[in-house]
């Protein structure tokens, strides 16, 4: 009886890996060992960068809020401190959206924050 050599399963696995490496340049998209290494490395970076993206968005929101606050005569940290004292619990994403889209609403928040900072 001839020896069974796992041919079909191995070929299917190879095709699956090569399909995921579509668009990679040179051996990274054609040679099996290099493809495996590249995919592992790519997945590791994808995980890191998904985490990093959250911080990037938060930094952008803070920048927008800070710019809007400076235009109204208060700095970012004092603004956030005033909101905390006024028990206004809005996250930075919402505050940033208000600063960009609803300036009158943001003006009210700034005035409230300023009011709660004064002794």
PDB file of N, CA and C in Angstrom:
ATOM      1  N   UNK A   1       0.845  -1.187   0.000  1.00  0.00           N
ATOM      2  CA  UNK A   1       0.000   0.000   0.000  1.00  0.00           C
ATOM      3  C   UNK A   1       0.885   1.242   0.000  1.00  0.00           C
ATOM      4  N   UNK A   2       0.591   2.226  -0.873  1.00  0.00           N
ATOM      5  CA  UNK A   2       1.436   3.428  -0.936  1.00  0.00           C
ATOM      6  C   UNK A   2       1.250   4.306   0.301  1.00  0.00           C
ATOM      7  N   UNK A   3       2.282   5.090   0.550  1.00  0.00           N
ATOM      8  CA  UNK A   3       2.278   5.966   1.713  1.00  0.00           C
ATOM      9  C   UNK A   3       1.395   7.187   1.441  1.00  0.00           C
ATOM     10  N   UNK A   4       0.510   7.541   2.382  1.00  0.00           N
ATOM     11  CA  UNK A   4      -0.338   8.736   2.255  1.00  0.00           C
ATOM     12  C   UNK A   4       0.497   9.943   2.682  1.00  0.00           C
ATOM     13  N   UNK A   5       0.468  11.003   1.875  1.00  0.00           N
ATOM     14  CA  UNK A   5       1.419  12.084   2.131  1.00  0.00           C
ATOM     15  C   UNK A   5       0.764  13.424   2.434  1.00  0.00           C
ATOM     16  N   UNK A   6      -0.494  13.480   2.742  1.00  0.00           N
ATOM     17  CA  UNK A   6      -1.114  14.730   3.208  1.00  0.00           C
ATOM     18  C   UNK A   6      -1.141  15.798   2.111  1.00  0.00           C
ATOM     19  N   UNK A   7      -1.140  15.381   0.846  1.00  0.00           N
ATOM     20  CA  UNK A   7      -0.980  16.315  -0.264  1.00  0.00           C
ATOM     21  C   UNK A   7      -2.095  17.334  -0.394  1.00  0.00           C
ATOM     22  N   UNK A   8      -3.329  16.879  -0.391  1.00  0.00           N
ATOM     23  CA  UNK A   8      -4.454  17.778  -0.620  1.00  0.00           C
ATOM     24  C   UNK A   8      -4.599  18.780   0.527  1.00  0.00           C
ATOM     25  N   UNK A   9      -4.470  18.298   1.759  1.00  0.00           N
ATOM     26  CA  UNK A   9      -4.621  19.179   2.923  1.00  0.00           C
ATOM     27  C   UNK A   9      -3.508  20.222   2.942  1.00  0.00           C
ATOM     28  N   UNK A  10      -2.286  19.794   2.630  1.00  0.00           N
ATOM     29  CA  UNK A  10      -1.151  20.728   2.633  1.00  0.00           C
ATOM     30  C   UNK A  10      -1.338  21.782   1.547  1.00  0.00           C
ATOM     31  N   UNK A  11      -1.784  21.359   0.382  1.00  0.00           N
ATOM     32  CA  UNK A  11      -2.001  22.296  -0.721  1.00  0.00           C
ATOM     33  C   UNK A  11      -3.086  23.311  -0.365  1.00  0.00           C
ATOM     34  N   UNK A  12      -4.153  22.824   0.290  1.00  0.00           N
ATOM     35  CA  UNK A  12      -5.242  23.720   0.694  1.00  0.00           C
ATOM     36  C   UNK A  12      -4.734  24.752   1.701  1.00  0.00           C
ATOM     37  N   UNK A  13      -3.902  24.287   2.646  1.00  0.00           N
ATOM     38  CA  UNK A  13      -3.340  25.196   3.645  1.00  0.00           C
ATOM     39  C   UNK A  13      -2.435  26.230   2.982  1.00  0.00           C
ATOM     40  N   UNK A  14      -1.633  25.760   2.030  1.00  0.00           N
ATOM     41  CA  UNK A  14      -0.726  26.660   1.319  1.00  0.00           C
ATOM     42  C   UNK A  14      -1.512  27.706   0.540  1.00  0.00           C
ATOM     43  N   UNK A  15      -2.566  27.281  -0.152  1.00  0.00           N
ATOM     44  CA  UNK A  15      -3.399  28.215  -0.918  1.00  0.00           C
ATOM     45  C   UNK A  15      -4.029  29.263  -0.009  1.00  0.00           C
ATOM     46  N   UNK A  16      -4.494  28.802   1.166  1.00  0.00           N
ATOM     47  CA  UNK A  16      -5.131  29.704   2.116  1.00  0.00           C
ATOM     48  C   UNK A  16      -4.133  30.776   2.594  1.00  0.00           C
ATOM     49  N   UNK A  17      -2.920  30.349   2.903  1.00  0.00           N
ATOM     50  CA  UNK A  17      -1.889  31.299   3.337  1.00  0.00           C
ATOM     51  C   UNK A  17      -1.535  32.282   2.223  1.00  0.00           C
ATOM     52  N   UNK A  18      -1.357  31.773   1.006  1.00  0.00           N
ATOM     53  CA  UNK A  18      -0.988  32.632  -0.115  1.00  0.00           C
ATOM     54  C   UNK A  18      -2.104  33.628  -0.440  1.00  0.00           C
ATOM     55  N   UNK A  19      -3.343  33.200  -0.234  1.00  0.00           N
ATOM     56  CA  UNK A  19      -4.467  34.102  -0.486  1.00  0.00           C
ATOM     57  C   UNK A  19      -4.442  35.265   0.510  1.00  0.00           C
ATOM     58  N   UNK A  20      -4.081  34.976   1.773  1.00  0.00           N
ATOM     59  CA  UNK A  20      -4.002  36.039   2.781  1.00  0.00           C
ATOM     60  C   UNK A  20      -2.833  36.978   2.526  1.00  0.00           C
ATOM     61  N   UNK A  21      -1.812  36.473   1.799  1.00  0.00           N
ATOM     62  CA  UNK A  21      -0.629  37.297   1.524  1.00  0.00           C
ATOM     63  C   UNK A  21      -0.744  37.996   0.174  1.00  0.00           C
ATOM     64  N   UNK A  22      -1.935  38.049  -0.374  1.00  0.00           N
ATOM     65  CA  UNK A  22      -2.127  38.671  -1.678  1.00  0.00           C
ATOM     66  C   UNK A  22      -1.760  40.153  -1.610  1.00  0.00           C
ATOM     67  N   UNK A  23      -0.983  40.611  -2.578  1.00  0.00           N
ATOM     68  CA  UNK A  23      -0.591  42.007  -2.617  1.00  0.00           C
ATOM     69  C   UNK A  23       0.766  42.273  -1.988  1.00  0.00           C
ATOM     70  N   UNK A  24       1.315  41.270  -1.280  1.00  0.00           N
ATOM     71  CA  UNK A  24       2.651  41.452  -0.723  1.00  0.00           C
ATOM     72  C   UNK A  24       3.664  41.398  -1.847  1.00  0.00           C
ATOM     73  N   UNK A  25       4.787  42.110  -1.697  1.00  0.00           N
ATOM     74  CA  UNK A  25       5.776  42.209  -2.767  1.00  0.00           C
ATOM     75  C   UNK A  25       6.806  41.085  -2.687  1.00  0.00           C
ATOM     76  N   UNK A  26       7.255  40.650  -3.846  1.00  0.00           N
ATOM     77  CA  UNK A  26       8.348  39.691  -3.950  1.00  0.00           C
ATOM     78  C   UNK A  26       8.042  38.366  -3.278  1.00  0.00           C
ATOM     79  N   UNK A  27       9.058  37.818  -2.602  1.00  0.00           N
ATOM     80  CA  UNK A  27       8.915  36.530  -1.950  1.00  0.00           C
ATOM     81  C   UNK A  27       7.907  36.544  -0.818  1.00  0.00           C
ATOM     82  N   UNK A  28       7.626  37.721  -0.278  1.00  0.00           N
ATOM     83  CA  UNK A  28       6.654  37.815   0.820  1.00  0.00           C
ATOM     84  C   UNK A  28       5.261  37.398   0.387  1.00  0.00           C
ATOM     85  N   UNK A  29       5.010  37.401  -0.907  1.00  0.00           N
ATOM     86  CA  UNK A  29       3.703  36.983  -1.403  1.00  0.00           C
ATOM     87  C   UNK A  29       3.730  35.678  -2.166  1.00  0.00           C
ATOM     88  N   UNK A  30       4.944  35.067  -2.345  1.00  0.00           N
ATOM     89  CA  UNK A  30       5.051  33.869  -3.170  1.00  0.00           C
ATOM     90  C   UNK A  30       5.695  32.670  -2.479  1.00  0.00           C
ATOM     91  N   UNK A  31       6.667  32.912  -1.594  1.00  0.00           N
ATOM     92  CA  UNK A  31       7.407  31.823  -0.973  1.00  0.00           C
ATOM     93  C   UNK A  31       6.783  31.469   0.374  1.00  0.00           C
ATOM     94  N   UNK A  32       6.473  30.189   0.546  1.00  0.00           N
ATOM     95  CA  UNK A  32       5.656  29.766   1.681  1.00  0.00           C
ATOM     96  C   UNK A  32       6.258  30.159   3.036  1.00  0.00           C
ATOM     97  N   UNK A  33       7.546  29.912   3.237  1.00  0.00           N
ATOM     98  CA  UNK A  33       8.148  30.209   4.539  1.00  0.00           C
ATOM     99  C   UNK A  33       8.113  31.714   4.822  1.00  0.00           C
ATOM    100  N   UNK A  34       8.450  32.501   3.807  1.00  0.00           N
ATOM    101  CA  UNK A  34       8.447  33.957   3.974  1.00  0.00           C
ATOM    102  C   UNK A  34       7.036  34.476   4.195  1.00  0.00           C
ATOM    103  N   UNK A  35       6.085  33.879   3.496  1.00  0.00           N
ATOM    104  CA  UNK A  35       4.685  34.275   3.662  1.00  0.00           C
ATOM    105  C   UNK A  35       4.233  34.045   5.093  1.00  0.00           C
ATOM    106  N   UNK A  36       4.575  32.885   5.648  1.00  0.00           N
ATOM    107  CA  UNK A  36       4.183  32.569   7.027  1.00  0.00           C
ATOM    108  C   UNK A  36       4.760  33.596   7.997  1.00  0.00           C
ATOM    109  N   UNK A  37       6.063  33.889   7.850  1.00  0.00           N
ATOM    110  CA  UNK A  37       6.711  34.850   8.737  1.00  0.00           C
ATOM    111  C   UNK A  37       6.060  36.227   8.627  1.00  0.00           C
ATOM    112  N   UNK A  38       5.796  36.629   7.389  1.00  0.00           N
ATOM    113  CA  UNK A  38       5.221  37.955   7.155  1.00  0.00           C
ATOM    114  C   UNK A  38       3.820  38.060   7.741  1.00  0.00           C
ATOM    115  N   UNK A  39       3.032  37.003   7.588  1.00  0.00           N
ATOM    116  CA  UNK A  39       1.665  37.031   8.117  1.00  0.00           C
ATOM    117  C   UNK A  39       1.666  37.097   9.649  1.00  0.00           C
ATOM    118  N   UNK A  40       2.550  36.343  10.282  1.00  0.00           N
ATOM    119  CA  UNK A  40       2.620  36.361  11.746  1.00  0.00           C
ATOM    120  C   UNK A  40       2.984  37.761  12.217  1.00  0.00           C
ATOM    121  N   UNK A  41       4.000  38.339  11.558  1.00  0.00           N
ATOM    122  CA  UNK A  41       4.442  39.682  11.923  1.00  0.00           C
ATOM    123  C   UNK A  41       3.335  40.706  11.673  1.00  0.00           C
ATOM    124  N   UNK A  42       2.645  40.564  10.550  1.00  0.00           N
ATOM    125  CA  UNK A  42       1.558  41.491  10.215  1.00  0.00           C
ATOM    126  C   UNK A  42       0.426  41.441  11.223  1.00  0.00           C
ATOM    127  N   UNK A  43       0.094  40.230  11.665  1.00  0.00           N
ATOM    128  CA  UNK A  43      -0.985  40.091  12.644  1.00  0.00           C
ATOM    129  C   UNK A  43      -0.593  40.706  13.985  1.00  0.00           C
ATOM    130  N   UNK A  44       0.686  40.571  14.344  1.00  0.00           N
ATOM    131  CA  UNK A  44       1.153  41.169  15.599  1.00  0.00           C
ATOM    132  C   UNK A  44       1.023  42.692  15.525  1.00  0.00           C
ATOM    133  N   UNK A  45       1.439  43.270  14.402  1.00  0.00           N
ATOM    134  CA  UNK A  45       1.341  44.720  14.249  1.00  0.00           C
ATOM    135  C   UNK A  45      -0.112  45.171  14.178  1.00  0.00           C
ATOM    136  N   UNK A  46      -0.959  44.358  13.558  1.00  0.00           N
ATOM    137  CA  UNK A  46      -2.376  44.731  13.466  1.00  0.00           C
ATOM    138  C   UNK A  46      -2.983  44.844  14.856  1.00  0.00           C
ATOM    139  N   UNK A  47      -2.621  43.917  15.747  1.00  0.00           N
ATOM    140  CA  UNK A  47      -3.130  43.961  17.117  1.00  0.00           C
ATOM    141  C   UNK A  47      -2.631  45.213  17.828  1.00  0.00           C
ATOM    142  N   UNK A  48      -1.322  45.482  17.712  1.00  0.00           N
ATOM    143  CA  UNK A  48      -0.754  46.668  18.364  1.00  0.00           C
ATOM    144  C   UNK A  48      -1.419  47.933  17.854  1.00  0.00           C
ATOM    145  N   UNK A  49      -1.617  47.997  16.554  1.00  0.00           N
ATOM    146  CA  UNK A  49      -2.110  49.232  15.966  1.00  0.00           C
ATOM    147  C   UNK A  49      -3.602  49.442  16.215  1.00  0.00           C
ATOM    148  N   UNK A  50      -4.341  48.350  16.420  1.00  0.00           N
ATOM    149  CA  UNK A  50      -5.740  48.528  16.836  1.00  0.00           C
ATOM    150  C   UNK A  50      -5.793  49.198  18.197  1.00  0.00           C
ATOM    151  N   UNK A  51      -4.900  48.818  19.088  1.00  0.00           N
ATOM    152  CA  UNK A  51      -4.836  49.451  20.406  1.00  0.00           C
ATOM    153  C   UNK A  51      -4.383  50.911  20.272  1.00  0.00           C
ATOM    154  N   UNK A  52      -3.381  51.128  19.424  1.00  0.00           N
ATOM    155  CA  UNK A  52      -2.801  52.464  19.253  1.00  0.00           C
ATOM    156  C   UNK A  52      -3.830  53.434  18.674  1.00  0.00           C
ATOM    157  N   UNK A  53      -4.695  52.921  17.818  1.00  0.00           N
ATOM    158  CA  UNK A  53      -5.691  53.763  17.163  1.00  0.00           C
ATOM    159  C   UNK A  53      -6.611  54.429  18.184  1.00  0.00           C
ATOM    160  N   UNK A  54      -6.930  53.723  19.251  1.00  0.00           N
ATOM    161  CA  UNK A  54      -7.798  54.293  20.288  1.00  0.00           C
ATOM    162  C   UNK A  54      -7.145  55.513  20.932  1.00  0.00           C
ATOM    163  N   UNK A  55      -5.842  55.404  21.206  1.00  0.00           N
ATOM    164  CA  UNK A  55      -5.119  56.535  21.780  1.00  0.00           C
ATOM    165  C   UNK A  55      -5.021  57.699  20.803  1.00  0.00           C
ATOM    166  N   UNK A  56      -4.862  57.371  19.509  1.00  0.00           N
ATOM    167  CA  UNK A  56      -4.772  58.419  18.490  1.00  0.00           C
ATOM    168  C   UNK A  56      -6.065  59.230  18.432  1.00  0.00           C
ATOM    169  N   UNK A  57      -7.195  58.524  18.483  1.00  0.00           N
ATOM    170  CA  UNK A  57      -8.491  59.224  18.451  1.00  0.00           C
ATOM    171  C   UNK A  57      -8.646  60.108  19.685  1.00  0.00           C
ATOM    172  N   UNK A  58      -8.261  59.566  20.842  1.00  0.00           N
ATOM    173  CA  UNK A  58      -8.384  60.340  22.076  1.00  0.00           C
ATOM    174  C   UNK A  58      -7.551  61.614  22.010  1.00  0.00           C
ATOM    175  N   UNK A  59      -6.318  61.508  21.475  1.00  0.00           N
ATOM    176  CA  UNK A  59      -5.458  62.690  21.317  1.00  0.00           C
ATOM    177  C   UNK A  59      -6.099  63.716  20.396  1.00  0.00           C
ATOM    178  N   UNK A  60      -6.721  63.246  19.325  1.00  0.00           N
ATOM    179  CA  UNK A  60      -7.389  64.165  18.390  1.00  0.00           C
ATOM    180  C   UNK A  60      -8.539  64.893  19.085  1.00  0.00           C
ATOM    181  N   UNK A  61      -9.344  64.150  19.854  1.00  0.00           N
ATOM    182  CA  UNK A  61     -10.472  64.774  20.560  1.00  0.00           C
ATOM    183  C   UNK A  61      -9.974  65.834  21.535  1.00  0.00           C
ATOM    184  N   UNK A  62      -8.916  65.518  22.270  1.00  0.00           N
ATOM    185  CA  UNK A  62      -8.377  66.463  23.245  1.00  0.00           C
ATOM    186  C   UNK A  62      -7.862  67.713  22.547  1.00  0.00           C
ATOM    187  N   UNK A  63      -7.201  67.534  21.398  1.00  0.00           N
ATOM    188  CA  UNK A  63      -6.727  68.688  20.627  1.00  0.00           C
ATOM    189  C   UNK A  63      -7.873  69.605  20.227  1.00  0.00           C
ATOM    190  N   UNK A  64      -8.949  69.006  19.749  1.00  0.00           N
ATOM    191  CA  UNK A  64     -10.108  69.804  19.316  1.00  0.00           C
ATOM    192  C   UNK A  64     -10.741  70.548  20.481  1.00  0.00           C
ATOM    193  N   UNK A  65     -10.908  69.840  21.602  1.00  0.00           N
ATOM    194  CA  UNK A  65     -11.511  70.472  22.786  1.00  0.00           C
ATOM    195  C   UNK A  65     -10.616  71.611  23.265  1.00  0.00           C
ATOM    196  N   UNK A  66      -9.305  71.377  23.290  1.00  0.00           N
ATOM    197  CA  UNK A  66      -8.355  72.385  23.750  1.00  0.00           C
ATOM    198  C   UNK A  66      -8.428  73.631  22.868  1.00  0.00           C
ATOM    199  N   UNK A  67      -8.485  73.438  21.556  1.00  0.00           N
ATOM    200  CA  UNK A  67      -8.551  74.587  20.635  1.00  0.00           C
ATOM    201  C   UNK A  67      -9.834  75.381  20.866  1.00  0.00           C
ATOM    202  N   UNK A  68     -10.948  74.663  21.045  1.00  0.00           N
ATOM    203  CA  UNK A  68     -12.229  75.341  21.266  1.00  0.00           C
ATOM    204  C   UNK A  68     -12.226  76.073  22.613  1.00  0.00           C
ATOM    205  N   UNK A  69     -11.604  75.489  23.624  1.00  0.00           N
ATOM    206  CA  UNK A  69     -11.537  76.128  24.943  1.00  0.00           C
ATOM    207  C   UNK A  69     -10.676  77.381  24.896  1.00  0.00           C
ATOM    208  N   UNK A  70      -9.526  77.291  24.247  1.00  0.00           N
ATOM    209  CA  UNK A  70      -8.622  78.442  24.156  1.00  0.00           C
ATOM    210  C   UNK A  70      -9.319  79.619  23.493  1.00  0.00           C
ATOM    211  N   UNK A  71     -10.160  79.334  22.493  1.00  0.00           N
ATOM    212  CA  UNK A  71     -10.886  80.406  21.806  1.00  0.00           C
ATOM    213  C   UNK A  71     -11.900  81.072  22.736  1.00  0.00           C
ATOM    214  N   UNK A  72     -12.265  80.371  23.810  1.00  0.00           N
ATOM    215  CA  UNK A  72     -13.255  80.904  24.753  1.00  0.00           C
ATOM    216  C   UNK A  72     -12.619  81.355  26.073  1.00  0.00           C
ATOM    217  N   UNK A  73     -11.296  81.408  26.107  1.00  0.00           N
ATOM    218  CA  UNK A  73     -10.599  81.978  27.265  1.00  0.00           C
ATOM    219  C   UNK A  73     -10.411  81.061  28.448  1.00  0.00           C
ATOM    220  N   UNK A  74     -10.339  79.759  28.226  1.00  0.00           N
ATOM    221  CA  UNK A  74     -10.082  78.817  29.318  1.00  0.00           C
ATOM    222  C   UNK A  74      -9.201  77.715  28.741  1.00  0.00           C
ATOM    223  N   UNK A  75      -8.330  77.155  29.574  1.00  0.00           N
ATOM    224  CA  UNK A  75      -7.533  76.062  29.024  1.00  0.00           C
ATOM    225  C   UNK A  75      -8.212  74.718  29.276  1.00  0.00           C
ATOM    226  N   UNK A  76      -7.715  73.683  28.615  1.00  0.00           N
ATOM    227  CA  UNK A  76      -8.357  72.376  28.611  1.00  0.00           C
ATOM    228  C   UNK A  76      -8.489  71.783  30.014  1.00  0.00           C
ATOM    229  N   UNK A  77      -7.399  71.826  30.777  1.00  0.00           N
ATOM    230  CA  UNK A  77      -7.424  71.171  32.086  1.00  0.00           C
ATOM    231  C   UNK A  77      -8.409  71.848  33.033  1.00  0.00           C
ATOM    232  N   UNK A  78      -8.454  73.176  32.999  1.00  0.00           N
ATOM    233  CA  UNK A  78      -9.423  73.907  33.839  1.00  0.00           C
ATOM    234  C   UNK A  78     -10.859  73.600  33.402  1.00  0.00           C
ATOM    235  N   UNK A  79     -11.054  73.479  32.098  1.00  0.00           N
ATOM    236  CA  UNK A  79     -12.376  73.157  31.556  1.00  0.00           C
ATOM    237  C   UNK A  79     -12.858  71.800  32.064  1.00  0.00           C
ATOM    238  N   UNK A  80     -11.984  70.794  31.963  1.00  0.00           N
ATOM    239  CA  UNK A  80     -12.351  69.446  32.410  1.00  0.00           C
ATOM    240  C   UNK A  80     -12.580  69.430  33.920  1.00  0.00           C
ATOM    241  N   UNK A  81     -11.746  70.177  34.654  1.00  0.00           N
ATOM    242  CA  UNK A  81     -11.911  70.270  36.109  1.00  0.00           C
ATOM    243  C   UNK A  81     -13.262  70.898  36.450  1.00  0.00           C
ATOM    244  N   UNK A  82     -13.639  71.955  35.744  1.00  0.00           N
ATOM    245  CA  UNK A  82     -14.930  72.606  35.966  1.00  0.00           C
ATOM    246  C   UNK A  82     -16.102  71.699  35.662  1.00  0.00           C
ATOM    247  N   UNK A  83     -15.981  70.908  34.585  1.00  0.00           N
ATOM    248  CA  UNK A  83     -17.050  69.954  34.252  1.00  0.00           C
ATOM    249  C   UNK A  83     -17.196  68.897  35.341  1.00  0.00           C
ATOM    250  N   UNK A  84     -16.070  68.432  35.875  1.00  0.00           N
ATOM    251  CA  UNK A  84     -16.126  67.425  36.940  1.00  0.00           C
ATOM    252  C   UNK A  84     -16.815  67.981  38.182  1.00  0.00           C
ATOM    253  N   UNK A  85     -16.480  69.243  38.538  1.00  0.00           N
ATOM    254  CA  UNK A  85     -17.102  69.860  39.709  1.00  0.00           C
ATOM    255  C   UNK A  85     -18.587  70.093  39.483  1.00  0.00           C
ATOM    256  N   UNK A  86     -18.992  70.308  38.227  1.00  0.00           N
ATOM    257  CA  UNK A  86     -20.405  70.529  37.905  1.00  0.00           C
ATOM    258  C   UNK A  86     -21.158  69.214  37.700  1.00  0.00           C
ATOM    259  N   UNK A  87     -20.462  68.093  37.896  1.00  0.00           N
ATOM    260  CA  UNK A  87     -21.048  66.755  37.699  1.00  0.00           C
ATOM    261  C   UNK A  87     -21.582  66.546  36.288  1.00  0.00           C
ATOM    262  N   UNK A  88     -20.886  67.064  35.319  1.00  0.00           N
ATOM    263  CA  UNK A  88     -21.235  66.837  33.911  1.00  0.00           C
ATOM    264  C   UNK A  88     -20.310  65.741  33.404  1.00  0.00           C
ATOM    265  N   UNK A  89     -20.880  64.585  33.096  1.00  0.00           N
ATOM    266  CA  UNK A  89     -20.077  63.435  32.687  1.00  0.00           C
ATOM    267  C   UNK A  89     -20.243  63.192  31.192  1.00  0.00           C
ATOM    268  N   UNK A  90     -19.528  63.957  30.403  1.00  0.00           N
ATOM    269  CA  UNK A  90     -19.489  63.743  28.950  1.00  0.00           C
ATOM    270  C   UNK A  90     -18.083  63.299  28.588  1.00  0.00           C
ATOM    271  N   UNK A  91     -17.992  62.278  27.741  1.00  0.00           N
ATOM    272  CA  UNK A  91     -16.649  61.832  27.368  1.00  0.00           C
ATOM    273  C   UNK A  91     -16.044  62.766  26.316  1.00  0.00           C
ATOM    274  N   UNK A  92     -14.755  62.571  26.064  1.00  0.00           N
ATOM    275  CA  UNK A  92     -14.037  63.481  25.177  1.00  0.00           C
ATOM    276  C   UNK A  92     -14.531  63.424  23.745  1.00  0.00           C
ATOM    277  N   UNK A  93     -15.017  62.262  23.340  1.00  0.00           N
ATOM    278  CA  UNK A  93     -15.552  62.127  21.976  1.00  0.00           C
ATOM    279  C   UNK A  93     -16.758  63.037  21.786  1.00  0.00           C
ATOM    280  N   UNK A  94     -17.663  63.034  22.735  1.00  0.00           N
ATOM    281  CA  UNK A  94     -18.871  63.859  22.659  1.00  0.00           C
ATOM    282  C   UNK A  94     -18.510  65.336  22.779  1.00  0.00           C
ATOM    283  N   UNK A  95     -17.599  65.657  23.701  1.00  0.00           N
ATOM    284  CA  UNK A  95     -17.184  67.050  23.870  1.00  0.00           C
ATOM    285  C   UNK A  95     -16.558  67.587  22.583  1.00  0.00           C
ATOM    286  N   UNK A  96     -15.741  66.772  21.949  1.00  0.00           N
ATOM    287  CA  UNK A  96     -15.094  67.177  20.697  1.00  0.00           C
ATOM    288  C   UNK A  96     -16.141  67.410  19.613  1.00  0.00           C
ATOM    289  N   UNK A  97     -17.112  66.535  19.539  1.00  0.00           N
ATOM    290  CA  UNK A  97     -18.173  66.672  18.547  1.00  0.00           C
ATOM    291  C   UNK A  97     -18.976  67.945  18.795  1.00  0.00           C
ATOM    292  N   UNK A  98     -19.264  68.239  20.058  1.00  0.00           N
ATOM    293  CA  UNK A  98     -19.971  69.478  20.400  1.00  0.00           C
ATOM    294  C   UNK A  98     -19.146  70.705  20.010  1.00  0.00           C
ATOM    295  N   UNK A  99     -17.845  70.643  20.276  1.00  0.00           N
ATOM    296  CA  UNK A  99     -16.969  71.783  19.968  1.00  0.00           C
ATOM    297  C   UNK A  99     -16.943  72.076  18.477  1.00  0.00           C
ATOM    298  N   UNK A 100     -17.022  71.029  17.662  1.00  0.00           N
ATOM    299  CA  UNK A 100     -16.950  71.209  16.209  1.00  0.00           C
ATOM    300  C   UNK A 100     -18.316  71.544  15.618  1.00  0.00           C
ATOM    301  N   UNK A 101     -19.377  70.826  16.054  1.00  0.00           N
ATOM    302  CA  UNK A 101     -20.671  70.944  15.377  1.00  0.00           C
ATOM    303  C   UNK A 101     -21.669  71.886  16.057  1.00  0.00           C
ATOM    304  N   UNK A 102     -21.667  71.889  17.405  1.00  0.00           N
ATOM    305  CA  UNK A 102     -22.661  72.676  18.139  1.00  0.00           C
ATOM    306  C   UNK A 102     -21.948  73.685  19.038  1.00  0.00           C
ATOM    307  N   UNK A 103     -21.555  74.797  18.453  1.00  0.00           N
ATOM    308  CA  UNK A 103     -20.748  75.771  19.209  1.00  0.00           C
ATOM    309  C   UNK A 103     -21.534  76.430  20.338  1.00  0.00           C
ATOM    310  N   UNK A 104     -22.837  76.650  20.136  1.00  0.00           N
ATOM    311  CA  UNK A 104     -23.625  77.285  21.203  1.00  0.00           C
ATOM    312  C   UNK A 104     -23.733  76.361  22.419  1.00  0.00           C
ATOM    313  N   UNK A 105     -23.910  75.072  22.171  1.00  0.00           N
ATOM    314  CA  UNK A 105     -23.951  74.103  23.272  1.00  0.00           C
ATOM    315  C   UNK A 105     -22.629  74.032  23.995  1.00  0.00           C
ATOM    316  N   UNK A 106     -21.531  74.100  23.236  1.00  0.00           N
ATOM    317  CA  UNK A 106     -20.204  74.071  23.849  1.00  0.00           C
ATOM    318  C   UNK A 106     -19.957  75.343  24.664  1.00  0.00           C
ATOM    319  N   UNK A 107     -20.475  76.493  24.157  1.00  0.00           N
ATOM    320  CA  UNK A 107     -20.355  77.752  24.912  1.00  0.00           C
ATOM    321  C   UNK A 107     -21.019  77.628  26.283  1.00  0.00           C
ATOM    322  N   UNK A 108     -22.190  76.985  26.315  1.00  0.00           N
ATOM    323  CA  UNK A 108     -22.891  76.782  27.589  1.00  0.00           C
ATOM    324  C   UNK A 108     -22.067  75.911  28.540  1.00  0.00           C
ATOM    325  N   UNK A 109     -21.456  74.861  27.997  1.00  0.00           N
ATOM    326  CA  UNK A 109     -20.615  73.994  28.827  1.00  0.00           C
ATOM    327  C   UNK A 109     -19.432  74.767  29.395  1.00  0.00           C
ATOM    328  N   UNK A 110     -18.816  75.615  28.564  1.00  0.00           N
ATOM    329  CA  UNK A 110     -17.670  76.408  29.023  1.00  0.00           C
ATOM    330  C   UNK A 110     -18.100  77.358  30.131  1.00  0.00           C
ATOM    331  N   UNK A 111     -19.246  78.013  29.954  1.00  0.00           N
ATOM    332  CA  UNK A 111     -19.719  78.959  30.981  1.00  0.00           C
ATOM    333  C   UNK A 111     -20.040  78.205  32.286  1.00  0.00           C
ATOM    334  N   UNK A 112     -20.622  77.022  32.174  1.00  0.00           N
ATOM    335  CA  UNK A 112     -20.902  76.209  33.357  1.00  0.00           C
ATOM    336  C   UNK A 112     -19.603  75.817  34.067  1.00  0.00           C
ATOM    337  N   UNK A 113     -18.616  75.397  33.278  1.00  0.00           N
ATOM    338  CA  UNK A 113     -17.329  75.003  33.856  1.00  0.00           C
ATOM    339  C   UNK A 113     -16.668  76.174  34.552  1.00  0.00           C
ATOM    340  N   UNK A 114     -16.711  77.355  33.931  1.00  0.00           N
ATOM    341  CA  UNK A 114     -16.110  78.540  34.526  1.00  0.00           C
ATOM    342  C   UNK A 114     -16.802  78.905  35.829  1.00  0.00           C
ATOM    343  N   UNK A 115     -18.132  78.784  35.838  1.00  0.00           N
ATOM    344  CA  UNK A 115     -18.922  79.127  37.024  1.00  0.00           C
ATOM    345  C   UNK A 115     -18.551  78.244  38.204  1.00  0.00           C
ATOM    346  N   UNK A 116     -18.292  76.941  37.943  1.00  0.00           N
ATOM    347  CA  UNK A 116     -17.977  76.022  39.026  1.00  0.00           C
ATOM    348  C   UNK A 116     -16.523  76.085  39.465  1.00  0.00           C
ATOM    349  N   UNK A 117     -15.694  76.782  38.708  1.00  0.00           N
ATOM    350  CA  UNK A 117     -14.290  76.937  39.113  1.00  0.00           C
ATOM    351  C   UNK A 117     -14.094  78.087  40.068  1.00  0.00           C
ATOM    352  N   UNK A 118     -14.934  79.087  39.979  1.00  0.00           N
ATOM    353  CA  UNK A 118     -14.782  80.279  40.826  1.00  0.00           C
ATOM    354  C   UNK A 118     -15.096  79.924  42.284  1.00  0.00           C
ATOM    355  N   UNK A 119     -14.314  80.474  43.243  1.00  0.00           N
ATOM    356  CA  UNK A 119     -14.528  80.137  44.658  1.00  0.00           C
ATOM    357  C   UNK A 119     -15.765  80.786  45.253  1.00  0.00           C
TER     358      UNK A 119
END
